[in-house]
C-alpha atoms as a PDB file:
ATOM      1  CA  UNK A   1       0.000   0.000   0.000  1.00  0.00           C
ATOM      2  CA  UNK A   2       1.312   3.457  -0.882  1.00  0.00           C
ATOM      3  CA  UNK A   3       0.650   4.904   2.595  1.00  0.00           C
ATOM      4  CA  UNK A   4       2.445   2.157   4.539  1.00  0.00           C
ATOM      5  CA  UNK A   5       5.266   4.582   5.383  1.00  0.00           C
ATOM      6  CA  UNK A   6       2.732   6.901   7.047  1.00  0.00           C
ATOM      7  CA  UNK A   7       1.106   4.056   8.971  1.00  0.00           C
ATOM      8  CA  UNK A   8       4.551   2.879  10.135  1.00  0.00           C
ATOM      9  CA  UNK A   9       5.477   6.434  11.185  1.00  0.00           C
ATOM     10  CA  UNK A  10       2.253   6.886  13.182  1.00  0.00           C
ATOM     11  CA  UNK A  11       2.588   3.481  14.849  1.00  0.00           C
ATOM     12  CA  UNK A  12       6.153   4.345  15.837  1.00  0.00           C
ATOM     13  CA  UNK A  13       5.057   7.723  17.233  1.00  0.00           C
ATOM     14  CA  UNK A  14       2.294   5.996  19.229  1.00  0.00           C
ATOM     15  CA  UNK A  15       4.388   3.043  20.404  1.00  0.00           C
ATOM     16  CA  UNK A  16       3.894   4.131  24.029  1.00  0.00           C
ATOM     17  CA  UNK A  17       0.211   3.142  23.930  1.00  0.00           C
ATOM     18  CA  UNK A  18      -0.716  -0.268  25.357  1.00  0.00           C
ATOM     19  CA  UNK A  19      -1.706  -3.008  22.906  1.00  0.00           C
ATOM     20  CA  UNK A  20      -1.495  -0.665  19.912  1.00  0.00           C
ATOM     21  CA  UNK A  21      -2.521  -2.119  16.562  1.00  0.00           C
ATOM     22  CA  UNK A  22      -3.728  -0.997  13.150  1.00  0.00           C
ATOM     23  CA  UNK A  23      -6.517  -2.898  11.432  1.00  0.00           C
ATOM     24  CA  UNK A  24      -7.162  -2.510   7.696  1.00  0.00           C
ATOM     25  CA  UNK A  25     -10.558  -0.960   6.932  1.00  0.00           C
ATOM     26  CA  UNK A  26     -12.091   0.570   3.779  1.00  0.00           C
ATOM     27  CA  UNK A  27      -8.793   1.544   2.161  1.00  0.00           C
ATOM     28  CA  UNK A  28      -7.292   2.877   5.379  1.00  0.00           C
ATOM     29  CA  UNK A  29      -6.601   1.630   8.898  1.00  0.00           C
ATOM     30  CA  UNK A  30      -8.381   1.813  12.230  1.00  0.00           C
ATOM     31  CA  UNK A  31      -6.154   2.379  15.264  1.00  0.00           C
ATOM     32  CA  UNK A  32      -6.799   0.474  18.463  1.00  0.00           C
ATOM     33  CA  UNK A  33      -5.290   0.655  21.962  1.00  0.00           C
ATOM     34  CA  UNK A  34      -6.483  -1.932  24.473  1.00  0.00           C
ATOM     35  CA  UNK A  35      -9.142  -2.924  21.912  1.00  0.00           C
ATOM     36  CA  UNK A  36     -10.541   0.638  21.872  1.00  0.00           C
ATOM     37  CA  UNK A  37     -11.013   2.157  18.416  1.00  0.00           C
ATOM     38  CA  UNK A  38      -9.544   5.648  18.832  1.00  0.00           C
ATOM     39  CA  UNK A  39      -8.060   6.646  15.463  1.00  0.00           C
ATOM     40  CA  UNK A  40      -8.323   6.453  11.689  1.00  0.00           C
ATOM     41  CA  UNK A  41      -5.527   6.539   9.117  1.00  0.00           C
ATOM     42  CA  UNK A  42      -6.899   7.468   5.713  1.00  0.00           C
ATOM     43  CA  UNK A  43      -5.276   9.018   2.644  1.00  0.00           C
ATOM     44  CA  UNK A  44      -2.139  10.097   4.507  1.00  0.00           C
ATOM     45  CA  UNK A  45      -4.086  11.746   7.327  1.00  0.00           C
ATOM     46  CA  UNK A  46      -4.540  10.814  10.986  1.00  0.00           C
ATOM     47  CA  UNK A  47      -7.864  11.351  12.750  1.00  0.00           C
ATOM     48  CA  UNK A  48      -8.538  10.915  16.487  1.00  0.00           C
ATOM     49  CA  UNK A  49     -11.808  10.273  18.292  1.00  0.00           C
ATOM     50  CA  UNK A  50     -13.162  13.387  20.003  1.00  0.00           C
ATOM     51  CA  UNK A  51     -15.843  14.204  22.516  1.00  0.00           C
ATOM     52  CA  UNK A  52     -17.431  17.449  23.662  1.00  0.00           C
ATOM     53  CA  UNK A  53     -14.356  18.251  25.759  1.00  0.00           C
ATOM     54  CA  UNK A  54     -11.585  17.549  23.244  1.00  0.00           C
ATOM     55  CA  UNK A  55     -13.300  18.591  19.991  1.00  0.00           C
ATOM     56  CA  UNK A  56     -12.726  22.345  20.577  1.00  0.00           C
ATOM     57  CA  UNK A  57      -8.938  21.761  20.577  1.00  0.00           C
ATOM     58  CA  UNK A  58      -9.204  20.520  16.999  1.00  0.00           C
ATOM     59  CA  UNK A  59     -11.751  23.086  15.848  1.00  0.00           C
ATOM     60  CA  UNK A  60      -9.703  26.011  17.214  1.00  0.00           C
ATOM     61  CA  UNK A  61      -6.813  24.833  15.038  1.00  0.00           C
ATOM     62  CA  UNK A  62      -9.053  24.648  11.952  1.00  0.00           C
ATOM     63  CA  UNK A  63      -9.031  20.844  11.811  1.00  0.00           C
ATOM     64  CA  UNK A  64     -11.897  19.038  10.104  1.00  0.00           C
ATOM     65  CA  UNK A  65     -13.833  15.877  10.940  1.00  0.00           C
ATOM     66  CA  UNK A  66     -13.504  12.603   9.086  1.00  0.00           C
ATOM     67  CA  UNK A  67     -16.255  12.266   6.476  1.00  0.00           C
ATOM     68  CA  UNK A  68     -17.297   9.551   4.055  1.00  0.00           C
ATOM     69  CA  UNK A  69     -20.006   8.967   1.483  1.00  0.00           C
ATOM     70  CA  UNK A  70     -22.908   6.604   2.176  1.00  0.00           C
ATOM     71  CA  UNK A  71     -25.986   6.322  -0.043  1.00  0.00           C
ATOM     72  CA  UNK A  72     -25.045   9.607  -1.764  1.00  0.00           C
ATOM     73  CA  UNK A  73     -24.911  11.420   1.582  1.00  0.00           C
ATOM     74  CA  UNK A  74     -21.850  12.775   3.328  1.00  0.00           C
ATOM     75  CA  UNK A  75     -21.535  11.218   6.758  1.00  0.00           C
ATOM     76  CA  UNK A  76     -19.485  12.985   9.456  1.00  0.00           C
ATOM     77  CA  UNK A  77     -17.851  11.108  12.314  1.00  0.00           C
ATOM     78  CA  UNK A  78     -16.530  12.333  15.673  1.00  0.00           C
ATOM     79  CA  UNK A  79     -12.967  11.791  14.516  1.00  0.00           C
ATOM     80  CA  UNK A  80     -10.974  14.936  13.719  1.00  0.00           C
ATOM     81  CA  UNK A  81      -7.750  15.337  11.785  1.00  0.00           C
ATOM     82  CA  UNK A  82      -4.672  15.670  13.999  1.00  0.00           C
ATOM     83  CA  UNK A  83      -2.678  18.881  13.410  1.00  0.00           C
ATOM     84  CA  UNK A  84       0.717  18.395  11.716  1.00  0.00           C
ATOM     85  CA  UNK A  85       2.652  19.967  14.598  1.00  0.00           C
ATOM     86  CA  UNK A  86       1.088  17.464  17.013  1.00  0.00           C
ATOM     87  CA  UNK A  87       1.751  14.554  14.658  1.00  0.00           C
ATOM     88  CA  UNK A  88       5.434  15.477  14.508  1.00  0.00           C
ATOM     89  CA  UNK A  89       5.866  15.590  18.304  1.00  0.00           C
ATOM     90  CA  UNK A  90       5.882  12.095  19.795  1.00  0.00           C
ATOM     91  CA  UNK A  91       5.111  13.306  23.332  1.00  0.00           C
ATOM     92  CA  UNK A  92       2.255  15.587  22.271  1.00  0.00           C
ATOM     93  CA  UNK A  93       0.832  12.971  19.913  1.00  0.00           C
ATOM     94  CA  UNK A  94       0.768  10.446  22.761  1.00  0.00           C
ATOM     95  CA  UNK A  95      -1.122  12.935  24.954  1.00  0.00           C
ATOM     96  CA  UNK A  96      -3.683  13.581  22.220  1.00  0.00           C
ATOM     97  CA  UNK A  97      -3.979   9.836  21.551  1.00  0.00           C
ATOM     98  CA  UNK A  98      -4.624   9.151  25.235  1.00  0.00           C
ATOM     99  CA  UNK A  99      -7.373  11.767  25.153  1.00  0.00           C
ATOM    100  CA  UNK A 100      -8.821  10.043  22.064  1.00  0.00           C
ATOM    101  CA  UNK A 101      -8.833   6.731  23.927  1.00  0.00           C
ATOM    102  CA  UNK A 102     -10.544   8.579  26.798  1.00  0.00           C
ATOM    103  CA  UNK A 103     -13.143   9.855  24.329  1.00  0.00           C
ATOM    104  CA  UNK A 104     -14.000   6.249  23.466  1.00  0.00           C
ATOM    105  CA  UNK A 105     -14.645   5.670  27.173  1.00  0.00           C
ATOM    106  CA  UNK A 106     -17.072   8.590  27.406  1.00  0.00           C
ATOM    107  CA  UNK A 107     -18.777   7.509  24.172  1.00  0.00           C
ATOM    108  CA  UNK A 108     -19.147   3.959  25.466  1.00  0.00           C
ATOM    109  CA  UNK A 109     -20.535   5.209  28.761  1.00  0.00           C
ATOM    110  CA  UNK A 110     -22.991   7.437  26.909  1.00  0.00           C
ATOM    111  CA  UNK A 111     -21.994  10.373  29.076  1.00  0.00           C
ATOM    112  CA  UNK A 112     -19.031  12.517  30.013  1.00  0.00           C
ATOM    113  CA  UNK A 113     -18.502  10.862  33.385  1.00  0.00           C
ATOM    114  CA  UNK A 114     -15.658   8.562  32.334  1.00  0.00           C
ATOM    115  CA  UNK A 115     -12.055   9.353  33.292  1.00  0.00           C
ATOM    116  CA  UNK A 116     -10.296  11.459  30.671  1.00  0.00           C
ATOM    117  CA  UNK A 117      -6.641  11.567  29.825  1.00  0.00           C
ATOM    118  CA  UNK A 118      -5.147  15.012  30.347  1.00  0.00           C
ATOM    119  CA  UNK A 119      -3.516  17.203  27.723  1.00  0.00           C
ATOM    120  CA  UNK A 120      -0.650  19.237  29.183  1.00  0.00           C
ATOM    121  CA  UNK A 121       0.501  21.321  26.252  1.00  0.00           C
ATOM    122  CA  UNK A 122       2.594  24.522  26.293  1.00  0.00           C
ATOM    123  CA  UNK A 123       0.401  27.565  25.710  1.00  0.00           C
ATOM    124  CA  UNK A 124      -2.729  25.767  26.912  1.00  0.00           C
ATOM    125  CA  UNK A 125      -4.602  26.012  30.183  1.00  0.00           C
ATOM    126  CA  UNK A 126      -6.275  23.164  32.031  1.00  0.00           C
ATOM    127  CA  UNK A 127     -10.084  23.066  32.202  1.00  0.00           C
ATOM    128  CA  UNK A 128     -11.543  20.959  35.016  1.00  0.00           C
ATOM    129  CA  UNK A 129     -13.848  18.137  33.998  1.00  0.00           C
ATOM    130  CA  UNK A 130     -16.607  16.739  36.163  1.00  0.00           C
ATOM    131  CA  UNK A 131     -14.542  13.715  37.256  1.00  0.00           C
ATOM    132  CA  UNK A 132     -11.728  15.889  38.671  1.00  0.00           C
ATOM    133  CA  UNK A 133      -9.310  15.502  35.747  1.00  0.00           C
ATOM    134  CA  UNK A 134      -8.942  18.077  33.028  1.00  0.00           C
ATOM    135  CA  UNK A 135      -8.156  18.848  29.425  1.00  0.00           C
ATOM    136  CA  UNK A 136      -6.237  21.773  27.970  1.00  0.00           C
ATOM    137  CA  UNK A 137      -7.348  24.591  25.717  1.00  0.00           C
ATOM    138  CA  UNK A 138      -5.402  27.505  24.199  1.00  0.00           C
ATOM    139  CA  UNK A 139      -4.653  30.379  26.543  1.00  0.00           C
ATOM    140  CA  UNK A 140      -6.028  33.712  25.383  1.00  0.00           C
END
């Protein structure tokens, strides 16, 4: 496959995640950690699962959701493209990936009560979440 180099790069960057694997799907790959589907590799792009707490981090950077065509309709998923500067930083990418895995927990619970991974990024401030953890958003 032409994008194997990208898949290999992403898997190397995310090697700190437990039980990480990529599973072929619809011309791309699904990313799993501990059997939780948290990411999509498609057409040389990486998308992570978001929830109502992490989605603004992507939107504020102008990132777009993963979309696909089904029955002549465009379907939008809760997976957003990862910014290039995050993709290139192994430590930051791992933080964002852990938050994506956390987003699968809140989606599976059907509420925001599940424990979230924290993003501790330079230039961002921590926002408390109901369970006592937090996420980060850009400082103004």
